[in-house]
Amino acid sequence: MTQKISQAKYSISDLSKEFDITTRSIRFYEDQGLIFPARKGQTRVYHQRDKVRLKLILRGKRLGFSLAETGRLFELYDVDKTSATQLNTIMTLINNKKEDLKQQLEDINAILIELDDLEDNCKTTLKTLENI
């Protein structure tokens, strides 16, 4: 006798509450082709695969990956289940993201130095004005 494993099903509001995002965001990810809920009449029915993808989308956003980059990874995974291609692509994306972040950090540090100089000039000018 075989047992049928029940697949978990989620409503859009279930996922919205669990991930603390709006239902509009979830529908947007669907419109972008990143998740594919089933339909039961007008109701969207999400499965475990959609939930995992949503988690990965949000993690990718937090790490600075664009939705296009995340979608590309999903496409690679769907085509190459061995995931070697996907892992190589992820490594490339990670290296690119690290380089971008390092450049942003350098830019921020340069701006902080300029702001410190401007602040020092303002303080000096204020002292001069107070002594007049």
C-alpha atoms as a PDB file:
ATOM      1  CA  MET A   1       0.000   0.000   0.000  1.00  0.00           C
ATOM      2  CA  THR A   2       1.544   3.296  -1.074  1.00  0.00           C
ATOM      3  CA  GLN A   3       1.017   6.527   0.775  1.00  0.00           C
ATOM      4  CA  LYS A   4       0.412   9.694  -1.136  1.00  0.00           C
ATOM      5  CA  ILE A   5       2.584  12.498   0.120  1.00  0.00           C
ATOM      6  CA  SER A   6       0.505  15.641   0.374  1.00  0.00           C
ATOM      7  CA  GLN A   7       2.091  18.672  -1.180  1.00  0.00           C
ATOM      8  CA  ALA A   8       1.864  21.786   0.942  1.00  0.00           C
ATOM      9  CA  LYS A   9      -0.253  24.520  -0.570  1.00  0.00           C
ATOM     10  CA  TYR A  10      -0.117  28.183   0.322  1.00  0.00           C
ATOM     11  CA  SER A  11      -2.304  31.158  -0.404  1.00  0.00           C
ATOM     12  CA  ILE A  12      -0.843  34.483  -1.417  1.00  0.00           C
ATOM     13  CA  SER A  13      -1.689  35.862   2.027  1.00  0.00           C
ATOM     14  CA  ASP A  14       0.088  32.911   3.717  1.00  0.00           C
ATOM     15  CA  LEU A  15       3.300  33.728   1.859  1.00  0.00           C
ATOM     16  CA  SER A  16       2.825  37.454   2.335  1.00  0.00           C
ATOM     17  CA  LYS A  17       2.622  37.014   6.107  1.00  0.00           C
ATOM     18  CA  GLU A  18       5.448  34.478   6.304  1.00  0.00           C
ATOM     19  CA  PHE A  19       7.911  36.617   4.341  1.00  0.00           C
ATOM     20  CA  ASP A  20       6.568  39.979   5.549  1.00  0.00           C
ATOM     21  CA  ILE A  21       6.032  41.311   2.039  1.00  0.00           C
ATOM     22  CA  THR A  22       2.972  42.610   0.250  1.00  0.00           C
ATOM     23  CA  THR A  23       0.738  40.475  -1.929  1.00  0.00           C
ATOM     24  CA  ARG A  24       1.472  43.017  -4.653  1.00  0.00           C
ATOM     25  CA  SER A  25       5.185  42.105  -4.460  1.00  0.00           C
ATOM     26  CA  ILE A  26       4.361  38.430  -4.839  1.00  0.00           C
ATOM     27  CA  ARG A  27       2.174  39.146  -7.870  1.00  0.00           C
ATOM     28  CA  PHE A  28       5.015  41.249  -9.303  1.00  0.00           C
ATOM     29  CA  TYR A  29       7.430  38.310  -8.989  1.00  0.00           C
ATOM     30  CA  GLU A  30       4.826  36.188 -10.754  1.00  0.00           C
ATOM     31  CA  ASP A  31       4.537  38.796 -13.529  1.00  0.00           C
ATOM     32  CA  GLN A  32       8.340  38.700 -13.876  1.00  0.00           C
ATOM     33  CA  GLY A  33       8.186  34.927 -14.428  1.00  0.00           C
ATOM     34  CA  LEU A  34      10.031  34.056 -11.221  1.00  0.00           C
ATOM     35  CA  ILE A  35       7.232  32.077  -9.567  1.00  0.00           C
ATOM     36  CA  PHE A  36       4.407  30.117 -11.122  1.00  0.00           C
ATOM     37  CA  PRO A  37       1.394  29.558  -8.871  1.00  0.00           C
ATOM     38  CA  ALA A  38      -1.350  27.220  -9.959  1.00  0.00           C
ATOM     39  CA  ARG A  39      -4.813  28.667 -10.379  1.00  0.00           C
ATOM     40  CA  LYS A  40      -7.977  27.438  -8.791  1.00  0.00           C
ATOM     41  CA  GLY A  41     -10.543  29.677 -10.411  1.00  0.00           C
ATOM     42  CA  GLN A  42      -9.378  33.208  -9.603  1.00  0.00           C
ATOM     43  CA  THR A  43      -7.314  32.057  -6.615  1.00  0.00           C
ATOM     44  CA  ARG A  44      -3.569  31.585  -6.784  1.00  0.00           C
ATOM     45  CA  VAL A  45      -2.317  28.381  -5.204  1.00  0.00           C
ATOM     46  CA  TYR A  46       1.371  28.306  -4.331  1.00  0.00           C
ATOM     47  CA  HIS A  47       3.361  25.134  -3.764  1.00  0.00           C
ATOM     48  CA  GLN A  48       6.633  24.393  -1.998  1.00  0.00           C
ATOM     49  CA  ARG A  49       8.643  25.212  -5.131  1.00  0.00           C
ATOM     50  CA  ASP A  50       7.098  28.705  -5.243  1.00  0.00           C
ATOM     51  CA  LYS A  51       7.820  29.203  -1.550  1.00  0.00           C
ATOM     52  CA  VAL A  52      11.475  28.214  -1.990  1.00  0.00           C
ATOM     53  CA  ARG A  53      11.831  30.470  -5.023  1.00  0.00           C
ATOM     54  CA  LEU A  54      10.274  33.368  -3.128  1.00  0.00           C
ATOM     55  CA  LYS A  55      12.752  32.825  -0.300  1.00  0.00           C
ATOM     56  CA  LEU A  56      15.628  32.813  -2.808  1.00  0.00           C
ATOM     57  CA  ILE A  57      14.315  35.957  -4.526  1.00  0.00           C
ATOM     58  CA  LEU A  58      14.247  37.817  -1.218  1.00  0.00           C
ATOM     59  CA  ARG A  59      17.665  36.519  -0.193  1.00  0.00           C
ATOM     60  CA  GLY A  60      19.057  37.561  -3.576  1.00  0.00           C
ATOM     61  CA  LYS A  61      17.586  41.046  -3.203  1.00  0.00           C
ATOM     62  CA  ARG A  62      19.137  41.341   0.263  1.00  0.00           C
ATOM     63  CA  LEU A  63      22.520  40.384  -1.218  1.00  0.00           C
ATOM     64  CA  GLY A  64      22.150  42.935  -4.007  1.00  0.00           C
ATOM     65  CA  PHE A  65      21.233  40.651  -6.892  1.00  0.00           C
ATOM     66  CA  SER A  66      18.795  42.031  -9.433  1.00  0.00           C
ATOM     67  CA  LEU A  67      15.612  40.166 -10.267  1.00  0.00           C
ATOM     68  CA  ALA A  68      17.065  39.536 -13.736  1.00  0.00           C
ATOM     69  CA  GLU A  69      20.124  37.872 -12.181  1.00  0.00           C
ATOM     70  CA  THR A  70      17.927  35.775  -9.913  1.00  0.00           C
ATOM     71  CA  GLY A  71      15.739  34.807 -12.868  1.00  0.00           C
ATOM     72  CA  ARG A  72      18.831  33.791 -14.810  1.00  0.00           C
ATOM     73  CA  LEU A  73      19.883  31.483 -11.990  1.00  0.00           C
ATOM     74  CA  PHE A  74      16.421  29.932 -11.874  1.00  0.00           C
ATOM     75  CA  GLU A  75      16.558  29.335 -15.634  1.00  0.00           C
ATOM     76  CA  LEU A  76      19.963  27.688 -15.337  1.00  0.00           C
ATOM     77  CA  TYR A  77      18.760  25.467 -12.534  1.00  0.00           C
ATOM     78  CA  ASP A  78      15.651  24.446 -14.474  1.00  0.00           C
ATOM     79  CA  VAL A  79      17.833  23.455 -17.450  1.00  0.00           C
ATOM     80  CA  ASP A  80      20.842  22.007 -15.587  1.00  0.00           C
ATOM     81  CA  LYS A  81      19.763  19.998 -12.568  1.00  0.00           C
ATOM     82  CA  THR A  82      23.381  18.947 -11.962  1.00  0.00           C
ATOM     83  CA  SER A  83      23.853  22.604 -10.992  1.00  0.00           C
ATOM     84  CA  ALA A  84      27.511  22.829 -12.099  1.00  0.00           C
ATOM     85  CA  THR A  85      26.626  25.567 -14.570  1.00  0.00           C
ATOM     86  CA  GLN A  86      24.467  27.281 -11.968  1.00  0.00           C
ATOM     87  CA  LEU A  87      27.243  27.181  -9.368  1.00  0.00           C
ATOM     88  CA  ASN A  88      29.767  28.626 -11.819  1.00  0.00           C
ATOM     89  CA  THR A  89      27.324  31.385 -12.706  1.00  0.00           C
ATOM     90  CA  ILE A  90      26.655  32.090  -9.039  1.00  0.00           C
ATOM     91  CA  MET A  91      30.400  32.360  -8.451  1.00  0.00           C
ATOM     92  CA  THR A  92      30.695  34.849 -11.313  1.00  0.00           C
ATOM     93  CA  LEU A  93      27.757  36.872  -9.988  1.00  0.00           C
ATOM     94  CA  ILE A  94      29.231  36.829  -6.474  1.00  0.00           C
ATOM     95  CA  ASN A  95      32.606  38.046  -7.733  1.00  0.00           C
ATOM     96  CA  ASN A  96      30.939  40.798  -9.765  1.00  0.00           C
ATOM     97  CA  LYS A  97      28.825  41.825  -6.778  1.00  0.00           C
ATOM     98  CA  LYS A  98      31.886  41.900  -4.511  1.00  0.00           C
ATOM     99  CA  GLU A  99      33.723  44.132  -6.984  1.00  0.00           C
ATOM    100  CA  ASP A 100      30.715  46.465  -7.184  1.00  0.00           C
ATOM    101  CA  LEU A 101      30.511  46.644  -3.389  1.00  0.00           C
ATOM    102  CA  LYS A 102      34.242  47.294  -3.044  1.00  0.00           C
ATOM    103  CA  GLN A 103      33.928  50.176  -5.529  1.00  0.00           C
ATOM    104  CA  GLN A 104      30.936  51.560  -3.652  1.00  0.00           C
ATOM    105  CA  LEU A 105      32.897  51.327  -0.396  1.00  0.00           C
ATOM    106  CA  GLU A 106      35.800  53.234  -1.940  1.00  0.00           C
ATOM    107  CA  ASP A 107      33.353  55.875  -3.210  1.00  0.00           C
ATOM    108  CA  ILE A 108      31.716  56.164   0.214  1.00  0.00           C
ATOM    109  CA  ASN A 109      35.087  56.513   1.941  1.00  0.00           C
ATOM    110  CA  ALA A 110      36.107  59.266  -0.512  1.00  0.00           C
ATOM    111  CA  ILE A 111      32.840  61.118   0.123  1.00  0.00           C
ATOM    112  CA  LEU A 112      33.294  60.762   3.895  1.00  0.00           C
ATOM    113  CA  ILE A 113      36.759  62.338   3.632  1.00  0.00           C
ATOM    114  CA  GLU A 114      35.324  65.214   1.597  1.00  0.00           C
ATOM    115  CA  LEU A 115      32.507  65.690   4.121  1.00  0.00           C
ATOM    116  CA  ASP A 116      35.000  65.693   7.015  1.00  0.00           C
ATOM    117  CA  ASP A 117      37.036  68.378   5.206  1.00  0.00           C
ATOM    118  CA  LEU A 118      33.898  70.430   4.565  1.00  0.00           C
ATOM    119  CA  GLU A 119      32.848  70.067   8.202  1.00  0.00           C
ATOM    120  CA  ASP A 120      36.306  71.219   9.382  1.00  0.00           C
ATOM    121  CA  ASN A 121      36.097  74.244   7.056  1.00  0.00           C
ATOM    122  CA  CYS A 122      32.639  75.105   8.409  1.00  0.00           C
ATOM    123  CA  LYS A 123      33.899  74.875  12.013  1.00  0.00           C
ATOM    124  CA  THR A 124      36.900  77.071  11.202  1.00  0.00           C
ATOM    125  CA  THR A 125      34.679  79.644   9.494  1.00  0.00           C
ATOM    126  CA  LEU A 126      32.236  79.617  12.419  1.00  0.00           C
ATOM    127  CA  LYS A 127      35.063  80.226  14.908  1.00  0.00           C
ATOM    128  CA  THR A 128      36.312  83.101  12.771  1.00  0.00           C
ATOM    129  CA  LEU A 129      32.811  84.611  12.638  1.00  0.00           C
ATOM    130  CA  GLU A 130      32.355  84.249  16.405  1.00  0.00           C
ATOM    131  CA  ASN A 131      35.605  86.131  17.039  1.00  0.00           C
ATOM    132  CA  ILE A 132      34.554  89.131  14.936  1.00  0.00           C
END
